[in-house]
Amino acid sequence: MKYSFFGLSMALFAFFSCSKESNLSVVEQLDLQKYAGKWYEIARMPSRFEKNLKCVTATYTIQADGNVEVWNMGIDEKSGEKKDVKGTAKVPDPKEPAKLKVTFFRPFYGKYWVIDLGKNYEYALVGHPNREYLWILSREKSMAKEKVDHLLAFAKEKGFDISTLEFVKQDCP
């Protein structure tokens, strides 16, 4: 069942995302049209819904209603099975466009906050204000070490425990 990949775990993510939070600043501007498209996951904090996955991508597509279709895909390293799930993202407050909410099972929404973003939308650092989730995303399968190091330092400065990050293999054709 394709929803076994992210499905239940994303519902749990959304449910538990209401835990203690402290202020986390986000980028001031986020143009969803520029953000749309395919992103490669470079690194992530461990989570049940992405356990043993490599070649993880997220594709964002703007819908007619202004919401965003989210399509996450990955390959299970052990079985080689492709796993995917589709969800929806929305911007609840237009004054804070970088604070999105994502759902894979309504009515449960998780916080998806863009905390750093490349000038040309070539990379994104996405986190949750409770500091338990963090992703480094890139438009390419790999990212320069200097840029990764910069993002790691930035995330650490923002209170994320970067020692837990897993770097994602992007070795699929």
N, C-alpha and C. Protein backbone atom coordinates (compact mmCIF):
# COMPACT_ATOMS: atom_id res chain seq x y z
N MET A 1 0.85 -1.18 0.00
CA MET A 1 0.00 0.00 0.00
C MET A 1 0.89 1.24 0.00
N LYS A 2 0.70 2.10 -0.93
CA LYS A 2 1.61 3.23 -1.09
C LYS A 2 1.57 4.19 0.09
N TYR A 3 0.49 4.25 0.82
CA TYR A 3 0.40 5.19 1.93
C TYR A 3 1.14 4.70 3.17
N SER A 4 1.59 3.45 3.19
CA SER A 4 2.32 2.96 4.35
C SER A 4 3.64 3.70 4.51
N PHE A 5 4.16 4.26 3.45
CA PHE A 5 5.44 4.97 3.45
C PHE A 5 5.39 6.19 4.34
N PHE A 6 4.63 7.18 3.95
CA PHE A 6 4.55 8.41 4.72
C PHE A 6 3.26 8.51 5.51
N GLY A 7 2.24 7.86 5.04
CA GLY A 7 0.89 8.05 5.52
C GLY A 7 0.66 8.16 7.01
N LEU A 8 0.66 7.05 7.70
CA LEU A 8 0.36 7.06 9.11
C LEU A 8 1.38 7.90 9.87
N SER A 9 2.62 7.78 9.48
CA SER A 9 3.65 8.55 10.17
C SER A 9 3.47 10.04 10.00
N MET A 10 3.05 10.49 8.81
CA MET A 10 2.82 11.92 8.62
C MET A 10 1.62 12.37 9.44
N ALA A 11 0.65 11.52 9.60
CA ALA A 11 -0.48 11.87 10.47
C ALA A 11 0.02 12.02 11.90
N LEU A 12 0.88 11.12 12.33
CA LEU A 12 1.46 11.23 13.67
C LEU A 12 2.33 12.47 13.78
N PHE A 13 3.10 12.77 12.74
CA PHE A 13 3.93 13.99 12.70
C PHE A 13 3.05 15.20 12.93
N ALA A 14 1.96 15.27 12.21
CA ALA A 14 1.06 16.41 12.33
C ALA A 14 0.45 16.47 13.73
N PHE A 15 0.05 15.34 14.25
CA PHE A 15 -0.57 15.29 15.56
C PHE A 15 0.40 15.75 16.64
N PHE A 16 1.63 15.25 16.59
CA PHE A 16 2.59 15.58 17.63
C PHE A 16 3.31 16.90 17.38
N SER A 17 3.03 17.54 16.26
CA SER A 17 3.72 18.80 15.96
C SER A 17 3.23 19.93 16.84
N CYS A 18 2.29 19.68 17.69
CA CYS A 18 1.78 20.71 18.58
C CYS A 18 2.58 20.77 19.88
N SER A 19 3.68 20.02 19.97
CA SER A 19 4.48 20.01 21.19
C SER A 19 5.17 21.35 21.41
N LYS A 20 5.95 21.42 22.46
CA LYS A 20 6.59 22.69 22.83
C LYS A 20 7.36 23.28 21.66
N GLU A 21 7.24 24.59 21.52
CA GLU A 21 7.90 25.29 20.44
C GLU A 21 8.51 26.58 20.98
N SER A 22 9.58 27.00 20.36
CA SER A 22 10.11 28.33 20.64
C SER A 22 10.18 29.06 19.31
N ASN A 23 10.41 30.33 19.37
CA ASN A 23 10.43 31.13 18.15
C ASN A 23 11.44 30.59 17.14
N LEU A 24 11.03 30.51 15.93
CA LEU A 24 11.91 30.12 14.83
C LEU A 24 11.60 31.07 13.68
N SER A 25 12.60 31.81 13.27
CA SER A 25 12.38 32.75 12.17
C SER A 25 12.36 32.01 10.84
N VAL A 26 11.62 32.57 9.91
CA VAL A 26 11.50 32.00 8.57
C VAL A 26 11.94 33.06 7.57
N VAL A 27 12.10 32.66 6.32
CA VAL A 27 12.43 33.63 5.29
C VAL A 27 11.25 34.60 5.14
N GLU A 28 11.57 35.83 4.80
CA GLU A 28 10.52 36.85 4.72
C GLU A 28 9.59 36.64 3.54
N GLN A 29 10.15 36.23 2.42
CA GLN A 29 9.36 36.05 1.21
C GLN A 29 9.50 34.62 0.70
N LEU A 30 8.40 34.09 0.22
CA LEU A 30 8.40 32.78 -0.42
C LEU A 30 7.42 32.84 -1.58
N ASP A 31 7.94 32.70 -2.78
CA ASP A 31 7.13 32.69 -3.98
C ASP A 31 6.86 31.23 -4.32
N LEU A 32 5.63 30.79 -4.11
CA LEU A 32 5.31 29.38 -4.34
C LEU A 32 5.51 28.96 -5.79
N GLN A 33 5.34 29.90 -6.72
CA GLN A 33 5.58 29.57 -8.13
C GLN A 33 7.05 29.19 -8.34
N LYS A 34 7.95 29.92 -7.71
CA LYS A 34 9.38 29.61 -7.83
C LYS A 34 9.75 28.36 -7.02
N TYR A 35 9.05 28.16 -5.91
CA TYR A 35 9.33 27.01 -5.04
C TYR A 35 8.84 25.70 -5.66
N ALA A 36 7.82 25.79 -6.48
CA ALA A 36 7.24 24.60 -7.10
C ALA A 36 8.31 23.86 -7.92
N GLY A 37 8.08 22.58 -8.10
CA GLY A 37 9.00 21.75 -8.86
C GLY A 37 9.59 20.66 -8.00
N LYS A 38 10.63 20.05 -8.52
CA LYS A 38 11.25 18.90 -7.87
C LYS A 38 12.42 19.32 -6.99
N TRP A 39 12.46 18.75 -5.80
CA TRP A 39 13.54 18.96 -4.83
C TRP A 39 14.11 17.60 -4.44
N TYR A 40 15.42 17.55 -4.26
CA TYR A 40 16.10 16.35 -3.77
C TYR A 40 16.43 16.55 -2.30
N GLU A 41 16.17 15.52 -1.53
CA GLU A 41 16.49 15.57 -0.11
C GLU A 41 17.97 15.26 0.07
N ILE A 42 18.71 16.22 0.63
CA ILE A 42 20.14 16.06 0.86
C ILE A 42 20.40 15.49 2.24
N ALA A 43 19.68 16.00 3.24
CA ALA A 43 19.83 15.53 4.62
C ALA A 43 18.51 15.72 5.34
N ARG A 44 18.35 14.94 6.42
CA ARG A 44 17.11 15.01 7.20
C ARG A 44 17.38 14.56 8.63
N MET A 45 16.55 15.00 9.53
CA MET A 45 16.53 14.43 10.86
C MET A 45 15.78 13.11 10.74
N PRO A 46 16.19 12.11 11.50
CA PRO A 46 15.53 10.80 11.40
C PRO A 46 14.04 10.87 11.72
N SER A 47 13.27 10.10 10.98
CA SER A 47 11.84 9.99 11.24
C SER A 47 11.37 8.63 10.78
N ARG A 48 10.34 8.15 11.41
CA ARG A 48 9.80 6.83 11.04
C ARG A 48 9.32 6.81 9.60
N PHE A 49 8.77 7.91 9.15
CA PHE A 49 8.16 7.91 7.82
C PHE A 49 9.19 7.95 6.70
N GLU A 50 10.47 8.11 7.03
CA GLU A 50 11.50 8.08 5.99
C GLU A 50 12.60 7.07 6.30
N LYS A 51 12.35 6.18 7.23
CA LYS A 51 13.35 5.19 7.63
C LYS A 51 13.77 4.32 6.45
N ASN A 52 15.08 4.19 6.28
CA ASN A 52 15.69 3.35 5.24
C ASN A 52 15.42 3.84 3.82
N LEU A 53 15.05 5.08 3.64
CA LEU A 53 14.76 5.56 2.29
C LEU A 53 15.96 6.31 1.71
N LYS A 54 16.19 6.05 0.44
CA LYS A 54 17.19 6.78 -0.33
C LYS A 54 16.49 7.38 -1.54
N CYS A 55 17.22 8.22 -2.26
CA CYS A 55 16.68 8.83 -3.48
C CYS A 55 15.35 9.53 -3.21
N VAL A 56 15.26 10.19 -2.08
CA VAL A 56 14.01 10.85 -1.69
C VAL A 56 13.89 12.18 -2.43
N THR A 57 12.71 12.38 -3.01
CA THR A 57 12.40 13.64 -3.68
C THR A 57 11.05 14.13 -3.20
N ALA A 58 10.86 15.41 -3.34
CA ALA A 58 9.56 16.04 -3.09
C ALA A 58 9.26 16.92 -4.30
N THR A 59 8.09 16.74 -4.86
CA THR A 59 7.68 17.55 -6.01
C THR A 59 6.44 18.33 -5.60
N TYR A 60 6.53 19.65 -5.79
CA TYR A 60 5.46 20.57 -5.41
C TYR A 60 4.82 21.13 -6.67
N THR A 61 3.49 21.05 -6.75
CA THR A 61 2.75 21.54 -7.90
C THR A 61 1.64 22.46 -7.43
N ILE A 62 1.62 23.68 -7.96
CA ILE A 62 0.59 24.65 -7.60
C ILE A 62 -0.73 24.22 -8.22
N GLN A 63 -1.76 24.21 -7.41
CA GLN A 63 -3.10 23.83 -7.86
C GLN A 63 -3.92 25.09 -8.17
N ALA A 64 -5.02 24.91 -8.86
CA ALA A 64 -5.88 26.03 -9.26
C ALA A 64 -6.38 26.83 -8.06
N ASP A 65 -6.57 26.17 -6.91
CA ASP A 65 -7.09 26.86 -5.73
C ASP A 65 -5.99 27.57 -4.93
N GLY A 66 -4.75 27.50 -5.42
CA GLY A 66 -3.64 28.16 -4.74
C GLY A 66 -2.90 27.27 -3.77
N ASN A 67 -3.49 26.13 -3.43
CA ASN A 67 -2.79 25.18 -2.58
C ASN A 67 -1.73 24.46 -3.40
N VAL A 68 -0.93 23.65 -2.74
CA VAL A 68 0.18 22.98 -3.39
C VAL A 68 0.03 21.47 -3.21
N GLU A 69 0.08 20.73 -4.32
CA GLU A 69 0.15 19.28 -4.22
C GLU A 69 1.58 18.91 -3.86
N VAL A 70 1.72 18.02 -2.89
CA VAL A 70 3.02 17.55 -2.44
C VAL A 70 3.11 16.08 -2.79
N TRP A 71 4.14 15.70 -3.54
CA TRP A 71 4.33 14.30 -3.91
C TRP A 71 5.72 13.89 -3.46
N ASN A 72 5.77 13.09 -2.39
CA ASN A 72 7.04 12.59 -1.85
C ASN A 72 7.28 11.18 -2.36
N MET A 73 8.52 10.93 -2.79
CA MET A 73 8.89 9.60 -3.28
C MET A 73 10.24 9.21 -2.72
N GLY A 74 10.45 7.92 -2.57
CA GLY A 74 11.74 7.41 -2.15
C GLY A 74 11.83 5.93 -2.46
N ILE A 75 13.03 5.39 -2.32
CA ILE A 75 13.28 3.97 -2.56
C ILE A 75 13.73 3.35 -1.25
N ASP A 76 13.07 2.26 -0.84
CA ASP A 76 13.48 1.53 0.35
C ASP A 76 14.81 0.84 0.07
N GLU A 77 15.83 1.18 0.85
CA GLU A 77 17.17 0.62 0.62
C GLU A 77 17.21 -0.89 0.78
N LYS A 78 16.37 -1.44 1.62
CA LYS A 78 16.40 -2.89 1.87
C LYS A 78 15.65 -3.68 0.80
N SER A 79 14.44 -3.22 0.46
CA SER A 79 13.61 -3.98 -0.48
C SER A 79 13.73 -3.48 -1.92
N GLY A 80 14.20 -2.27 -2.10
CA GLY A 80 14.25 -1.68 -3.43
C GLY A 80 12.90 -1.18 -3.91
N GLU A 81 11.90 -1.27 -3.04
CA GLU A 81 10.54 -0.87 -3.40
C GLU A 81 10.40 0.65 -3.42
N LYS A 82 9.72 1.14 -4.45
CA LYS A 82 9.40 2.57 -4.55
C LYS A 82 8.24 2.86 -3.60
N LYS A 83 8.39 3.93 -2.83
CA LYS A 83 7.34 4.32 -1.90
C LYS A 83 7.01 5.78 -2.16
N ASP A 84 5.73 6.09 -2.17
CA ASP A 84 5.34 7.47 -2.39
C ASP A 84 4.03 7.79 -1.69
N VAL A 85 3.79 9.07 -1.56
CA VAL A 85 2.56 9.55 -0.97
C VAL A 85 2.31 10.96 -1.50
N LYS A 86 1.04 11.29 -1.64
CA LYS A 86 0.66 12.64 -2.07
C LYS A 86 -0.10 13.32 -0.94
N GLY A 87 0.14 14.61 -0.84
CA GLY A 87 -0.52 15.41 0.17
C GLY A 87 -0.78 16.80 -0.36
N THR A 88 -1.15 17.70 0.55
CA THR A 88 -1.46 19.07 0.19
C THR A 88 -0.79 20.01 1.17
N ALA A 89 -0.27 21.10 0.65
CA ALA A 89 0.29 22.17 1.48
C ALA A 89 -0.50 23.44 1.24
N LYS A 90 -0.57 24.26 2.28
CA LYS A 90 -1.25 25.54 2.15
C LYS A 90 -0.54 26.57 3.00
N VAL A 91 -0.76 27.82 2.64
CA VAL A 91 -0.24 28.95 3.41
C VAL A 91 -1.42 29.51 4.20
N PRO A 92 -1.49 29.23 5.50
CA PRO A 92 -2.64 29.69 6.28
C PRO A 92 -2.71 31.21 6.45
N ASP A 93 -1.54 31.86 6.48
CA ASP A 93 -1.51 33.31 6.67
C ASP A 93 -0.66 33.94 5.58
N PRO A 94 -1.27 34.65 4.62
CA PRO A 94 -0.51 35.26 3.52
C PRO A 94 0.57 36.23 3.99
N LYS A 95 0.46 36.73 5.21
CA LYS A 95 1.49 37.62 5.76
C LYS A 95 2.76 36.85 6.13
N GLU A 96 2.63 35.53 6.25
CA GLU A 96 3.78 34.67 6.58
C GLU A 96 3.83 33.52 5.58
N PRO A 97 4.19 33.80 4.32
CA PRO A 97 4.13 32.78 3.27
C PRO A 97 5.09 31.62 3.46
N ALA A 98 6.11 31.76 4.28
CA ALA A 98 7.08 30.69 4.48
C ALA A 98 6.67 29.72 5.59
N LYS A 99 5.52 29.96 6.19
CA LYS A 99 4.99 29.07 7.23
C LYS A 99 3.83 28.28 6.64
N LEU A 100 4.18 27.17 6.02
CA LEU A 100 3.17 26.33 5.39
C LEU A 100 2.69 25.26 6.35
N LYS A 101 1.53 24.72 6.02
CA LYS A 101 1.01 23.55 6.71
C LYS A 101 0.82 22.47 5.66
N VAL A 102 1.23 21.25 6.00
CA VAL A 102 1.18 20.13 5.07
C VAL A 102 0.36 19.01 5.68
N THR A 103 -0.45 18.39 4.84
CA THR A 103 -1.22 17.23 5.29
C THR A 103 -1.12 16.09 4.27
N PHE A 104 -1.07 14.90 4.81
CA PHE A 104 -1.17 13.70 3.99
C PHE A 104 -2.43 12.94 4.36
N PHE A 105 -2.98 13.27 5.52
CA PHE A 105 -4.26 12.73 5.98
C PHE A 105 -4.99 13.82 6.72
N ARG A 106 -5.97 14.42 6.05
CA ARG A 106 -6.76 15.45 6.72
C ARG A 106 -7.53 14.81 7.85
N PRO A 107 -7.73 15.47 8.91
CA PRO A 107 -7.54 16.88 9.18
C PRO A 107 -6.20 17.20 9.83
N PHE A 108 -5.25 16.28 9.83
CA PHE A 108 -3.98 16.47 10.51
C PHE A 108 -3.00 17.24 9.63
N TYR A 109 -2.49 18.34 10.13
CA TYR A 109 -1.53 19.16 9.41
C TYR A 109 -0.24 19.27 10.22
N GLY A 110 0.89 19.23 9.53
CA GLY A 110 2.18 19.46 10.15
C GLY A 110 2.74 20.79 9.68
N LYS A 111 3.59 21.37 10.50
CA LYS A 111 4.19 22.65 10.15
C LYS A 111 5.42 22.43 9.28
N TYR A 112 5.49 23.17 8.19
CA TYR A 112 6.56 23.10 7.20
C TYR A 112 7.03 24.53 7.02
N TRP A 113 8.10 24.88 7.73
CA TRP A 113 8.57 26.25 7.72
C TRP A 113 9.87 26.36 6.95
N VAL A 114 9.92 27.24 5.99
CA VAL A 114 11.13 27.48 5.19
C VAL A 114 11.96 28.51 5.96
N ILE A 115 13.10 28.03 6.51
CA ILE A 115 13.91 28.90 7.37
C ILE A 115 15.13 29.48 6.65
N ASP A 116 15.48 28.92 5.53
CA ASP A 116 16.53 29.50 4.69
C ASP A 116 16.26 29.06 3.25
N LEU A 117 16.62 29.93 2.32
CA LEU A 117 16.29 29.68 0.93
C LEU A 117 17.30 30.36 0.04
N GLY A 118 17.77 29.63 -0.96
CA GLY A 118 18.71 30.21 -1.91
C GLY A 118 18.09 31.35 -2.68
N LYS A 119 18.91 32.32 -3.05
CA LYS A 119 18.43 33.50 -3.79
C LYS A 119 17.68 33.10 -5.05
N ASN A 120 18.13 32.04 -5.71
CA ASN A 120 17.50 31.55 -6.93
C ASN A 120 16.71 30.27 -6.70
N TYR A 121 16.33 30.05 -5.45
CA TYR A 121 15.55 28.86 -5.08
C TYR A 121 16.29 27.57 -5.44
N GLU A 122 17.61 27.59 -5.30
CA GLU A 122 18.42 26.41 -5.61
C GLU A 122 18.57 25.47 -4.41
N TYR A 123 18.30 25.96 -3.21
CA TYR A 123 18.31 25.13 -2.01
C TYR A 123 17.27 25.68 -1.04
N ALA A 124 16.87 24.82 -0.11
CA ALA A 124 15.95 25.24 0.95
C ALA A 124 16.30 24.49 2.22
N LEU A 125 16.17 25.17 3.33
CA LEU A 125 16.29 24.57 4.65
C LEU A 125 14.91 24.67 5.27
N VAL A 126 14.33 23.52 5.56
CA VAL A 126 12.95 23.45 6.04
C VAL A 126 12.95 22.79 7.41
N GLY A 127 12.24 23.39 8.33
CA GLY A 127 12.19 22.83 9.67
C GLY A 127 10.84 23.00 10.31
N HIS A 128 10.76 22.44 11.49
CA HIS A 128 9.58 22.56 12.33
C HIS A 128 9.96 23.37 13.55
N PRO A 129 9.09 24.26 14.04
CA PRO A 129 9.47 25.11 15.16
C PRO A 129 9.78 24.36 16.45
N ASN A 130 9.41 23.08 16.57
CA ASN A 130 9.78 22.34 17.76
C ASN A 130 11.19 21.74 17.66
N ARG A 131 11.85 21.98 16.52
CA ARG A 131 13.24 21.57 16.24
C ARG A 131 13.41 20.05 16.14
N GLU A 132 12.32 19.31 15.96
CA GLU A 132 12.42 17.86 15.84
C GLU A 132 12.45 17.36 14.40
N TYR A 133 12.22 18.26 13.46
CA TYR A 133 12.25 17.91 12.04
C TYR A 133 13.06 18.97 11.30
N LEU A 134 13.90 18.50 10.37
CA LEU A 134 14.73 19.40 9.58
C LEU A 134 15.09 18.70 8.28
N TRP A 135 15.03 19.44 7.18
CA TRP A 135 15.41 18.90 5.89
C TRP A 135 16.28 19.92 5.16
N ILE A 136 17.31 19.42 4.51
CA ILE A 136 18.08 20.22 3.55
C ILE A 136 17.65 19.71 2.18
N LEU A 137 17.14 20.62 1.36
CA LEU A 137 16.65 20.27 0.03
C LEU A 137 17.44 21.02 -1.03
N SER A 138 17.58 20.39 -2.19
CA SER A 138 18.32 20.99 -3.29
C SER A 138 17.62 20.68 -4.60
N ARG A 139 17.81 21.55 -5.57
CA ARG A 139 17.28 21.29 -6.91
C ARG A 139 18.12 20.24 -7.64
N GLU A 140 19.33 20.00 -7.15
CA GLU A 140 20.24 19.01 -7.73
C GLU A 140 20.39 17.83 -6.77
N LYS A 141 20.87 16.70 -7.27
CA LYS A 141 21.06 15.52 -6.44
C LYS A 141 22.16 15.68 -5.40
N SER A 142 23.03 16.64 -5.61
CA SER A 142 24.10 16.86 -4.65
C SER A 142 24.24 18.36 -4.41
N MET A 143 24.99 18.69 -3.37
CA MET A 143 25.17 20.08 -3.00
C MET A 143 26.62 20.28 -2.57
N ALA A 144 27.18 21.41 -2.89
CA ALA A 144 28.56 21.72 -2.52
C ALA A 144 28.73 21.62 -1.01
N LYS A 145 29.85 21.04 -0.59
CA LYS A 145 30.13 20.88 0.84
C LYS A 145 30.07 22.21 1.58
N GLU A 146 30.57 23.27 0.97
CA GLU A 146 30.56 24.58 1.62
C GLU A 146 29.13 25.04 1.91
N LYS A 147 28.22 24.80 0.98
CA LYS A 147 26.82 25.19 1.17
C LYS A 147 26.18 24.34 2.26
N VAL A 148 26.45 23.04 2.24
CA VAL A 148 25.91 22.16 3.28
C VAL A 148 26.43 22.61 4.65
N ASP A 149 27.74 22.88 4.74
CA ASP A 149 28.32 23.33 6.00
C ASP A 149 27.67 24.63 6.48
N HIS A 150 27.43 25.54 5.55
CA HIS A 150 26.76 26.80 5.90
C HIS A 150 25.36 26.53 6.46
N LEU A 151 24.61 25.65 5.80
CA LEU A 151 23.25 25.34 6.25
C LEU A 151 23.26 24.62 7.60
N LEU A 152 24.24 23.75 7.80
CA LEU A 152 24.35 23.06 9.09
C LEU A 152 24.63 24.06 10.21
N ALA A 153 25.53 24.99 9.97
CA ALA A 153 25.85 26.00 10.97
C ALA A 153 24.63 26.87 11.26
N PHE A 154 23.91 27.23 10.22
CA PHE A 154 22.70 28.04 10.37
C PHE A 154 21.66 27.30 11.20
N ALA A 155 21.45 26.01 10.88
CA ALA A 155 20.47 25.20 11.61
C ALA A 155 20.87 25.05 13.07
N LYS A 156 22.14 24.84 13.32
CA LYS A 156 22.63 24.72 14.70
C LYS A 156 22.38 26.01 15.46
N GLU A 157 22.66 27.13 14.82
CA GLU A 157 22.43 28.44 15.42
C GLU A 157 20.95 28.63 15.77
N LYS A 158 20.07 28.03 14.99
CA LYS A 158 18.62 28.15 15.21
C LYS A 158 18.10 27.14 16.24
N GLY A 159 18.99 26.31 16.79
CA GLY A 159 18.59 25.41 17.85
C GLY A 159 18.33 23.97 17.45
N PHE A 160 18.65 23.60 16.21
CA PHE A 160 18.47 22.21 15.77
C PHE A 160 19.68 21.38 16.18
N ASP A 161 19.44 20.13 16.58
CA ASP A 161 20.52 19.20 16.91
C ASP A 161 21.00 18.56 15.61
N ILE A 162 21.98 19.17 14.99
CA ILE A 162 22.43 18.69 13.68
C ILE A 162 23.21 17.39 13.76
N SER A 163 23.59 16.97 14.97
CA SER A 163 24.32 15.70 15.11
C SER A 163 23.45 14.51 14.73
N THR A 164 22.14 14.70 14.69
CA THR A 164 21.24 13.60 14.35
C THR A 164 20.95 13.49 12.86
N LEU A 165 21.41 14.47 12.07
CA LEU A 165 21.08 14.47 10.65
C LEU A 165 21.59 13.23 9.92
N GLU A 166 20.77 12.74 9.02
CA GLU A 166 21.14 11.64 8.13
C GLU A 166 21.30 12.22 6.73
N PHE A 167 22.39 11.87 6.07
CA PHE A 167 22.59 12.31 4.70
C PHE A 167 22.00 11.26 3.78
N VAL A 168 21.23 11.71 2.82
CA VAL A 168 20.42 10.83 1.97
C VAL A 168 21.20 10.45 0.72
N LYS A 169 21.26 9.15 0.45
CA LYS A 169 21.88 8.68 -0.80
C LYS A 169 20.98 9.09 -1.96
N GLN A 170 21.58 9.69 -2.95
CA GLN A 170 20.84 10.07 -4.17
C GLN A 170 21.52 9.38 -5.36
N ASP A 171 21.62 8.05 -5.27
CA ASP A 171 22.34 7.28 -6.28
C ASP A 171 21.43 6.54 -7.27
N CYS A 172 20.20 6.97 -7.36
CA CYS A 172 19.26 6.32 -8.29
C CYS A 172 19.31 7.03 -9.64
N PRO A 173 19.05 6.29 -10.72
CA PRO A 173 19.05 6.92 -12.04
C PRO A 173 17.92 7.93 -12.22
